[in-house]
Amino acid sequence: MDKESRTKKVTRWHSDRLLDQVRSWPKSVREQVGRQLNKVEFGGVPDDFKPMRTIGPGVAEIRLSEMGDQFRLIYVAKFEEAIYVIHAITRKKSQKTSTLDMEVARKRYSELVQQRKFE
């Protein structure tokens, strides 16, 4: 199935602050994020991603790097109506995802699931 024949999902951001964080990333990283999210919006998978089952079912992260920094965008694509971006992380290449970042992403995922029950 080609891209034009598939329905495009919208992307919904957890908050304006999260979107602003991603907008502060280097231009080349933002462009890559846009291309990778576009793939997900059309039902594809990013070039470099990792399922994040410890956060929740259907959660994954887009993984990008530039000049020794790593950029991660954690999203949920399993819902029919939209792609939900729930967290963004910037870190040095040698760093592991922090416990705090994992907790924030889990909390936001849980809130998203609860919110969808009432829509």
N, C-alpha and C. Protein backbone atom coordinates (compact mmCIF):
# COMPACT_ATOMS: atom_id res chain seq x y z
N MET A 1 0.85 -1.18 0.00
CA MET A 1 0.00 0.00 0.00
C MET A 1 0.89 1.24 0.00
N ASP A 2 0.65 2.15 -0.92
CA ASP A 2 1.49 3.35 -0.97
C ASP A 2 1.01 4.40 0.01
N LYS A 3 1.88 5.36 0.27
CA LYS A 3 1.63 6.39 1.29
C LYS A 3 0.33 7.15 1.05
N GLU A 4 0.04 7.49 -0.21
CA GLU A 4 -1.13 8.30 -0.51
C GLU A 4 -2.44 7.59 -0.22
N SER A 5 -2.44 6.26 -0.25
CA SER A 5 -3.69 5.53 -0.06
C SER A 5 -3.97 5.23 1.41
N ARG A 6 -3.05 5.54 2.28
CA ARG A 6 -3.25 5.31 3.72
C ARG A 6 -3.77 6.57 4.38
N THR A 7 -4.54 6.38 5.43
CA THR A 7 -5.04 7.51 6.19
C THR A 7 -3.95 8.02 7.12
N LYS A 8 -3.79 9.32 7.14
CA LYS A 8 -2.78 9.93 8.00
C LYS A 8 -3.39 10.24 9.36
N LYS A 9 -2.73 9.78 10.41
CA LYS A 9 -3.14 10.14 11.77
C LYS A 9 -2.59 11.52 12.11
N VAL A 10 -3.29 12.21 12.98
CA VAL A 10 -2.78 13.48 13.49
C VAL A 10 -1.81 13.18 14.63
N THR A 11 -0.92 14.12 14.90
CA THR A 11 -0.03 14.00 16.05
C THR A 11 -0.50 14.97 17.11
N ARG A 12 -0.68 14.45 18.31
CA ARG A 12 -1.08 15.27 19.45
C ARG A 12 0.04 15.26 20.48
N TRP A 13 0.39 16.46 20.94
CA TRP A 13 1.49 16.62 21.90
C TRP A 13 0.92 16.71 23.31
N HIS A 14 1.62 16.11 24.25
CA HIS A 14 1.18 16.14 25.64
C HIS A 14 0.96 17.56 26.13
N SER A 15 1.83 18.48 25.73
CA SER A 15 1.71 19.87 26.17
C SER A 15 2.47 20.79 25.21
N ASP A 16 2.14 22.06 25.28
CA ASP A 16 2.89 23.05 24.49
C ASP A 16 4.35 23.09 24.94
N ARG A 17 4.56 22.89 26.22
CA ARG A 17 5.93 22.90 26.75
C ARG A 17 6.78 21.79 26.13
N LEU A 18 6.17 20.63 25.96
CA LEU A 18 6.87 19.51 25.32
C LEU A 18 7.20 19.85 23.87
N LEU A 19 6.25 20.43 23.17
CA LEU A 19 6.48 20.84 21.78
C LEU A 19 7.58 21.91 21.71
N ASP A 20 7.56 22.85 22.65
CA ASP A 20 8.61 23.88 22.70
C ASP A 20 9.99 23.26 22.95
N GLN A 21 10.03 22.23 23.78
CA GLN A 21 11.30 21.54 24.04
C GLN A 21 11.87 20.97 22.74
N VAL A 22 11.02 20.32 21.97
CA VAL A 22 11.48 19.75 20.70
C VAL A 22 11.85 20.85 19.72
N ARG A 23 11.13 21.95 19.74
CA ARG A 23 11.46 23.08 18.86
C ARG A 23 12.81 23.70 19.21
N SER A 24 13.29 23.46 20.42
CA SER A 24 14.60 24.00 20.83
C SER A 24 15.76 23.12 20.36
N TRP A 25 15.46 21.94 19.85
CA TRP A 25 16.50 21.04 19.35
C TRP A 25 17.12 21.63 18.08
N PRO A 26 18.33 21.20 17.73
CA PRO A 26 18.96 21.68 16.50
C PRO A 26 18.06 21.44 15.28
N LYS A 27 18.16 22.34 14.32
CA LYS A 27 17.29 22.29 13.14
C LYS A 27 17.35 20.93 12.44
N SER A 28 18.53 20.38 12.27
CA SER A 28 18.64 19.09 11.57
C SER A 28 17.93 17.97 12.34
N VAL A 29 17.96 18.03 13.66
CA VAL A 29 17.28 17.03 14.48
C VAL A 29 15.77 17.22 14.35
N ARG A 30 15.31 18.47 14.40
CA ARG A 30 13.87 18.74 14.23
C ARG A 30 13.37 18.23 12.88
N GLU A 31 14.17 18.44 11.84
CA GLU A 31 13.78 17.96 10.51
C GLU A 31 13.68 16.43 10.49
N GLN A 32 14.65 15.77 11.13
CA GLN A 32 14.61 14.31 11.20
C GLN A 32 13.40 13.83 11.99
N VAL A 33 13.12 14.49 13.11
CA VAL A 33 11.95 14.13 13.91
C VAL A 33 10.69 14.26 13.07
N GLY A 34 10.58 15.34 12.31
CA GLY A 34 9.42 15.54 11.46
C GLY A 34 9.25 14.42 10.44
N ARG A 35 10.34 14.03 9.80
CA ARG A 35 10.28 12.94 8.82
C ARG A 35 9.89 11.62 9.47
N GLN A 36 10.45 11.36 10.65
CA GLN A 36 10.15 10.10 11.33
C GLN A 36 8.71 10.06 11.84
N LEU A 37 8.24 11.18 12.39
CA LEU A 37 6.84 11.24 12.82
C LEU A 37 5.90 11.07 11.63
N ASN A 38 6.26 11.63 10.49
CA ASN A 38 5.44 11.49 9.29
C ASN A 38 5.30 10.01 8.92
N LYS A 39 6.37 9.26 9.03
CA LYS A 39 6.29 7.82 8.76
C LYS A 39 5.28 7.16 9.69
N VAL A 40 5.35 7.50 10.98
CA VAL A 40 4.45 6.92 11.96
C VAL A 40 3.00 7.33 11.67
N GLU A 41 2.80 8.60 11.31
CA GLU A 41 1.45 9.10 11.01
C GLU A 41 0.80 8.31 9.87
N PHE A 42 1.60 7.80 8.95
CA PHE A 42 1.08 7.01 7.83
C PHE A 42 1.15 5.51 8.08
N GLY A 43 1.38 5.11 9.33
CA GLY A 43 1.36 3.70 9.69
C GLY A 43 2.69 2.98 9.56
N GLY A 44 3.75 3.72 9.26
CA GLY A 44 5.07 3.11 9.14
C GLY A 44 5.82 3.12 10.46
N VAL A 45 7.07 2.74 10.38
CA VAL A 45 7.93 2.75 11.57
C VAL A 45 9.12 3.67 11.30
N PRO A 46 9.61 4.33 12.33
CA PRO A 46 10.79 5.19 12.17
C PRO A 46 12.02 4.37 11.80
N ASP A 47 13.02 5.05 11.25
CA ASP A 47 14.26 4.37 10.87
C ASP A 47 14.97 3.78 12.08
N ASP A 48 14.98 4.50 13.19
CA ASP A 48 15.64 4.03 14.41
C ASP A 48 14.67 4.26 15.56
N PHE A 49 14.07 3.18 16.03
CA PHE A 49 13.12 3.29 17.13
C PHE A 49 13.28 2.10 18.06
N LYS A 50 12.71 2.23 19.22
CA LYS A 50 12.79 1.16 20.22
C LYS A 50 11.44 1.07 20.92
N PRO A 51 10.84 -0.12 20.96
CA PRO A 51 9.62 -0.27 21.76
C PRO A 51 9.95 0.00 23.23
N MET A 52 9.04 0.66 23.91
CA MET A 52 9.25 1.01 25.33
C MET A 52 8.16 0.32 26.16
N ARG A 53 8.17 -1.00 26.15
CA ARG A 53 7.13 -1.78 26.84
C ARG A 53 7.10 -1.53 28.34
N THR A 54 8.22 -1.12 28.91
CA THR A 54 8.24 -0.85 30.36
C THR A 54 7.43 0.40 30.70
N ILE A 55 7.18 1.24 29.70
CA ILE A 55 6.33 2.42 29.92
C ILE A 55 4.88 2.05 29.72
N GLY A 56 4.61 1.26 28.69
CA GLY A 56 3.24 0.82 28.43
C GLY A 56 3.15 0.15 27.08
N PRO A 57 2.08 -0.63 26.87
CA PRO A 57 1.90 -1.29 25.57
C PRO A 57 1.70 -0.27 24.46
N GLY A 58 2.39 -0.46 23.36
CA GLY A 58 2.24 0.45 22.22
C GLY A 58 3.09 1.70 22.29
N VAL A 59 3.94 1.81 23.32
CA VAL A 59 4.81 2.98 23.47
C VAL A 59 6.15 2.67 22.79
N ALA A 60 6.67 3.67 22.08
CA ALA A 60 7.97 3.51 21.42
C ALA A 60 8.71 4.83 21.47
N GLU A 61 10.00 4.79 21.15
CA GLU A 61 10.77 6.03 21.09
C GLU A 61 11.48 6.12 19.75
N ILE A 62 11.46 7.32 19.19
CA ILE A 62 12.26 7.65 18.02
C ILE A 62 13.62 8.05 18.55
N ARG A 63 14.68 7.48 17.97
CA ARG A 63 16.04 7.72 18.47
C ARG A 63 16.85 8.45 17.41
N LEU A 64 17.38 9.60 17.79
CA LEU A 64 18.21 10.41 16.90
C LEU A 64 19.47 10.83 17.64
N SER A 65 20.53 11.10 16.90
CA SER A 65 21.74 11.61 17.54
C SER A 65 22.42 12.60 16.62
N GLU A 66 23.11 13.53 17.26
CA GLU A 66 23.87 14.54 16.52
C GLU A 66 24.98 15.06 17.42
N MET A 67 26.19 15.03 16.91
CA MET A 67 27.35 15.60 17.59
C MET A 67 27.46 15.19 19.06
N GLY A 68 27.31 13.91 19.32
CA GLY A 68 27.48 13.39 20.67
C GLY A 68 26.27 13.49 21.57
N ASP A 69 25.21 14.14 21.11
CA ASP A 69 23.98 14.22 21.90
C ASP A 69 22.94 13.26 21.32
N GLN A 70 22.11 12.75 22.21
CA GLN A 70 21.02 11.88 21.80
C GLN A 70 19.70 12.60 22.03
N PHE A 71 18.79 12.41 21.11
CA PHE A 71 17.47 13.01 21.20
C PHE A 71 16.45 11.88 21.08
N ARG A 72 15.53 11.84 22.02
CA ARG A 72 14.53 10.77 22.06
C ARG A 72 13.14 11.38 22.13
N LEU A 73 12.23 10.84 21.33
CA LEU A 73 10.85 11.28 21.34
C LEU A 73 10.01 10.05 21.65
N ILE A 74 9.33 10.07 22.79
CA ILE A 74 8.53 8.92 23.21
C ILE A 74 7.08 9.17 22.80
N TYR A 75 6.51 8.20 22.11
CA TYR A 75 5.17 8.38 21.55
C TYR A 75 4.35 7.09 21.66
N VAL A 76 3.04 7.25 21.47
CA VAL A 76 2.10 6.13 21.45
C VAL A 76 1.38 6.18 20.11
N ALA A 77 1.45 5.09 19.36
CA ALA A 77 0.82 5.06 18.04
C ALA A 77 -0.29 4.02 17.94
N LYS A 78 -0.60 3.34 19.02
CA LYS A 78 -1.55 2.23 18.94
C LYS A 78 -3.01 2.66 18.86
N PHE A 79 -3.30 3.90 19.18
CA PHE A 79 -4.69 4.35 19.15
C PHE A 79 -5.06 4.80 17.74
N GLU A 80 -6.28 4.50 17.34
CA GLU A 80 -6.71 4.75 15.97
C GLU A 80 -6.76 6.22 15.59
N GLU A 81 -7.09 7.08 16.55
CA GLU A 81 -7.37 8.48 16.22
C GLU A 81 -6.14 9.37 16.10
N ALA A 82 -5.02 8.99 16.72
CA ALA A 82 -3.88 9.92 16.72
C ALA A 82 -2.60 9.24 17.18
N ILE A 83 -1.49 9.94 16.90
CA ILE A 83 -0.19 9.63 17.48
C ILE A 83 -0.05 10.58 18.66
N TYR A 84 0.28 10.07 19.83
CA TYR A 84 0.43 10.90 21.02
C TYR A 84 1.91 10.97 21.40
N VAL A 85 2.48 12.17 21.38
CA VAL A 85 3.86 12.36 21.83
C VAL A 85 3.78 12.70 23.31
N ILE A 86 4.38 11.84 24.15
CA ILE A 86 4.22 12.01 25.60
C ILE A 86 5.48 12.49 26.32
N HIS A 87 6.65 12.40 25.66
CA HIS A 87 7.86 12.83 26.36
C HIS A 87 8.99 13.02 25.35
N ALA A 88 9.94 13.89 25.68
CA ALA A 88 11.13 14.12 24.86
C ALA A 88 12.33 14.19 25.79
N ILE A 89 13.43 13.64 25.32
CA ILE A 89 14.64 13.54 26.14
C ILE A 89 15.85 13.98 25.32
N THR A 90 16.72 14.75 25.94
CA THR A 90 18.02 15.08 25.37
C THR A 90 19.07 14.62 26.37
N ARG A 91 20.07 13.91 25.88
CA ARG A 91 21.12 13.44 26.79
C ARG A 91 22.41 13.21 26.02
N LYS A 92 23.47 13.05 26.77
CA LYS A 92 24.77 12.72 26.17
C LYS A 92 24.75 11.26 25.74
N LYS A 93 25.55 10.94 24.75
CA LYS A 93 25.54 9.61 24.16
C LYS A 93 25.79 8.50 25.19
N SER A 94 26.63 8.75 26.15
CA SER A 94 26.98 7.71 27.12
C SER A 94 25.95 7.53 28.23
N GLN A 95 24.96 8.41 28.28
CA GLN A 95 23.99 8.34 29.36
C GLN A 95 22.85 7.37 29.05
N LYS A 96 22.37 6.75 30.10
CA LYS A 96 21.20 5.88 30.02
C LYS A 96 19.98 6.74 30.32
N THR A 97 18.81 6.34 29.82
CA THR A 97 17.58 7.07 30.13
C THR A 97 17.38 7.06 31.64
N SER A 98 17.17 8.23 32.20
CA SER A 98 17.07 8.35 33.65
C SER A 98 15.77 7.74 34.18
N THR A 99 15.81 7.34 35.43
CA THR A 99 14.62 6.82 36.10
C THR A 99 13.52 7.87 36.10
N LEU A 100 13.89 9.13 36.31
CA LEU A 100 12.90 10.21 36.32
C LEU A 100 12.21 10.32 34.95
N ASP A 101 12.98 10.27 33.87
CA ASP A 101 12.37 10.32 32.53
C ASP A 101 11.42 9.16 32.31
N MET A 102 11.80 7.98 32.75
CA MET A 102 10.92 6.81 32.61
C MET A 102 9.65 6.99 33.42
N GLU A 103 9.78 7.52 34.63
CA GLU A 103 8.60 7.74 35.48
C GLU A 103 7.67 8.78 34.87
N VAL A 104 8.24 9.86 34.34
CA VAL A 104 7.42 10.90 33.69
C VAL A 104 6.66 10.29 32.52
N ALA A 105 7.33 9.52 31.69
CA ALA A 105 6.68 8.91 30.53
C ALA A 105 5.59 7.93 30.96
N ARG A 106 5.85 7.12 31.99
CA ARG A 106 4.82 6.19 32.49
C ARG A 106 3.60 6.94 33.00
N LYS A 107 3.83 8.01 33.74
CA LYS A 107 2.73 8.81 34.28
C LYS A 107 1.90 9.41 33.15
N ARG A 108 2.56 9.97 32.16
CA ARG A 108 1.85 10.58 31.03
C ARG A 108 1.09 9.54 30.22
N TYR A 109 1.67 8.36 30.07
CA TYR A 109 0.97 7.29 29.37
C TYR A 109 -0.29 6.90 30.14
N SER A 110 -0.15 6.72 31.43
CA SER A 110 -1.29 6.36 32.27
C SER A 110 -2.39 7.43 32.20
N GLU A 111 -1.99 8.70 32.25
CA GLU A 111 -2.95 9.80 32.15
C GLU A 111 -3.66 9.77 30.79
N LEU A 112 -2.92 9.48 29.74
CA LEU A 112 -3.50 9.41 28.40
C LEU A 112 -4.55 8.31 28.32
N VAL A 113 -4.22 7.14 28.84
CA VAL A 113 -5.16 6.01 28.82
C VAL A 113 -6.42 6.38 29.60
N GLN A 114 -6.27 6.98 30.78
CA GLN A 114 -7.43 7.39 31.58
C GLN A 114 -8.26 8.44 30.86
N GLN A 115 -7.61 9.42 30.27
CA GLN A 115 -8.31 10.50 29.57
C GLN A 115 -9.12 9.94 28.40
N ARG A 116 -8.58 9.00 27.69
CA ARG A 116 -9.28 8.43 26.53
C ARG A 116 -10.54 7.68 26.95
N LYS A 117 -10.57 7.16 28.18
CA LYS A 117 -11.76 6.46 28.66
C LYS A 117 -12.97 7.39 28.77
N PHE A 118 -12.70 8.68 28.96
CA PHE A 118 -13.78 9.63 29.18
C PHE A 118 -14.10 10.46 27.94
N GLU A 119 -13.47 10.17 26.83
CA GLU A 119 -13.74 10.92 25.60
C GLU A 119 -14.79 10.23 24.77
